[in-house]
Amino acid sequence: MRNSILAQVLDQAARARLSNLALVKPEKAKAVENYLIQMARFGQLGGKVS
């Protein structure tokens, strides 16, 4: 579920950058993911995040 939500809100380049961040700082990447998922649930994202 988590990955499907992120796939809907992030474009391909943004997902790649988030994956790179997860390799170096997994806790920071998880925090960004949680923030994006929360924003998506409340309808605060107008389109895909680049």
N, C-alpha and C. Protein backbone atom coordinates (compact mmCIF):
# COMPACT_ATOMS: atom_id res chain seq x y z
N MET A 1 0.83 -1.19 0.00
CA MET A 1 0.00 0.00 0.00
C MET A 1 0.87 1.26 0.00
N ARG A 2 1.89 1.22 0.81
CA ARG A 2 2.78 2.38 0.93
C ARG A 2 3.43 2.71 -0.42
N ASN A 3 3.95 1.69 -1.08
CA ASN A 3 4.60 1.91 -2.37
C ASN A 3 3.63 2.36 -3.44
N SER A 4 2.41 1.86 -3.40
CA SER A 4 1.43 2.27 -4.41
C SER A 4 1.04 3.73 -4.24
N ILE A 5 0.92 4.19 -3.00
CA ILE A 5 0.62 5.61 -2.76
C ILE A 5 1.77 6.47 -3.25
N LEU A 6 2.99 6.07 -2.92
CA LEU A 6 4.15 6.85 -3.35
C LEU A 6 4.27 6.85 -4.87
N ALA A 7 3.93 5.75 -5.51
CA ALA A 7 3.98 5.69 -6.98
C ALA A 7 2.97 6.66 -7.59
N GLN A 8 1.86 6.88 -6.92
CA GLN A 8 0.84 7.79 -7.43
C GLN A 8 1.24 9.25 -7.25
N VAL A 9 1.98 9.57 -6.19
CA VAL A 9 2.26 10.98 -5.90
C VAL A 9 3.65 11.45 -6.34
N LEU A 10 4.56 10.52 -6.65
CA LEU A 10 5.91 10.91 -7.06
C LEU A 10 6.15 10.56 -8.52
N ASP A 11 6.83 11.46 -9.23
CA ASP A 11 7.23 11.07 -10.59
C ASP A 11 8.47 10.18 -10.49
N GLN A 12 8.88 9.64 -11.61
CA GLN A 12 9.94 8.63 -11.62
C GLN A 12 11.26 9.18 -11.07
N ALA A 13 11.60 10.41 -11.43
CA ALA A 13 12.86 11.00 -10.95
C ALA A 13 12.82 11.22 -9.44
N ALA A 14 11.68 11.65 -8.93
CA ALA A 14 11.54 11.87 -7.49
C ALA A 14 11.65 10.55 -6.73
N ARG A 15 11.07 9.50 -7.27
CA ARG A 15 11.18 8.18 -6.63
C ARG A 15 12.63 7.71 -6.61
N ALA A 16 13.36 7.98 -7.68
CA ALA A 16 14.78 7.60 -7.73
C ALA A 16 15.57 8.36 -6.67
N ARG A 17 15.31 9.65 -6.53
CA ARG A 17 16.02 10.44 -5.51
C ARG A 17 15.68 9.96 -4.11
N LEU A 18 14.42 9.62 -3.88
CA LEU A 18 14.02 9.12 -2.57
C LEU A 18 14.69 7.77 -2.28
N SER A 19 14.83 6.94 -3.29
CA SER A 19 15.52 5.65 -3.13
C SER A 19 16.99 5.86 -2.79
N ASN A 20 17.62 6.83 -3.44
CA ASN A 20 19.02 7.14 -3.14
C ASN A 20 19.16 7.63 -1.70
N LEU A 21 18.23 8.46 -1.26
CA LEU A 21 18.25 8.95 0.11
C LEU A 21 18.10 7.79 1.09
N ALA A 22 17.23 6.84 0.76
CA ALA A 22 16.99 5.69 1.64
C ALA A 22 18.25 4.84 1.81
N LEU A 23 19.11 4.82 0.82
CA LEU A 23 20.35 4.06 0.94
C LEU A 23 21.30 4.70 1.95
N VAL A 24 21.30 6.03 2.01
CA VAL A 24 22.23 6.74 2.87
C VAL A 24 21.63 7.03 4.25
N LYS A 25 20.39 7.52 4.24
CA LYS A 25 19.72 7.89 5.50
C LYS A 25 18.30 7.32 5.50
N PRO A 26 18.17 6.05 5.87
CA PRO A 26 16.85 5.41 5.81
C PRO A 26 15.80 6.08 6.69
N GLU A 27 16.22 6.60 7.84
CA GLU A 27 15.24 7.25 8.73
C GLU A 27 14.71 8.54 8.13
N LYS A 28 15.56 9.28 7.44
CA LYS A 28 15.13 10.52 6.78
C LYS A 28 14.19 10.20 5.62
N ALA A 29 14.51 9.17 4.84
CA ALA A 29 13.65 8.78 3.72
C ALA A 29 12.28 8.34 4.22
N LYS A 30 12.24 7.60 5.33
CA LYS A 30 10.97 7.15 5.89
C LYS A 30 10.14 8.34 6.35
N ALA A 31 10.79 9.35 6.92
CA ALA A 31 10.08 10.55 7.35
C ALA A 31 9.49 11.30 6.16
N VAL A 32 10.24 11.41 5.07
CA VAL A 32 9.74 12.06 3.86
C VAL A 32 8.57 11.28 3.28
N GLU A 33 8.69 9.95 3.26
CA GLU A 33 7.60 9.12 2.76
C GLU A 33 6.34 9.32 3.58
N ASN A 34 6.49 9.32 4.91
CA ASN A 34 5.33 9.51 5.79
C ASN A 34 4.68 10.87 5.54
N TYR A 35 5.49 11.89 5.36
CA TYR A 35 4.97 13.23 5.10
C TYR A 35 4.20 13.28 3.78
N LEU A 36 4.76 12.69 2.74
CA LEU A 36 4.10 12.68 1.44
C LEU A 36 2.79 11.90 1.48
N ILE A 37 2.80 10.77 2.17
CA ILE A 37 1.58 9.96 2.29
C ILE A 37 0.50 10.73 3.04
N GLN A 38 0.89 11.41 4.11
CA GLN A 38 -0.07 12.20 4.87
C GLN A 38 -0.65 13.32 4.01
N MET A 39 0.19 14.01 3.26
CA MET A 39 -0.30 15.08 2.40
C MET A 39 -1.24 14.53 1.33
N ALA A 40 -0.92 13.37 0.78
CA ALA A 40 -1.77 12.76 -0.24
C ALA A 40 -3.13 12.38 0.34
N ARG A 41 -3.14 11.86 1.55
CA ARG A 41 -4.41 11.45 2.18
C ARG A 41 -5.32 12.64 2.43
N PHE A 42 -4.74 13.78 2.74
CA PHE A 42 -5.55 14.98 3.02
C PHE A 42 -5.78 15.82 1.77
N GLY A 43 -5.35 15.33 0.62
CA GLY A 43 -5.59 16.03 -0.63
C GLY A 43 -4.81 17.31 -0.80
N GLN A 44 -3.66 17.40 -0.20
CA GLN A 44 -2.86 18.62 -0.26
C GLN A 44 -1.87 18.63 -1.42
N LEU A 45 -1.82 17.56 -2.18
CA LEU A 45 -0.92 17.51 -3.34
C LEU A 45 -1.75 17.72 -4.60
N GLY A 46 -1.36 18.70 -5.41
CA GLY A 46 -2.12 19.01 -6.61
C GLY A 46 -1.83 18.08 -7.77
N GLY A 47 -0.70 17.46 -7.77
CA GLY A 47 -0.31 16.55 -8.84
C GLY A 47 0.87 15.74 -8.38
N LYS A 48 1.60 15.21 -9.34
CA LYS A 48 2.78 14.42 -8.97
C LYS A 48 3.90 15.34 -8.50
N VAL A 49 4.58 14.91 -7.49
CA VAL A 49 5.71 15.66 -6.95
C VAL A 49 6.93 15.34 -7.78
N SER A 50 7.64 16.39 -8.20
CA SER A 50 8.85 16.17 -8.99
C SER A 50 10.01 16.44 -8.13
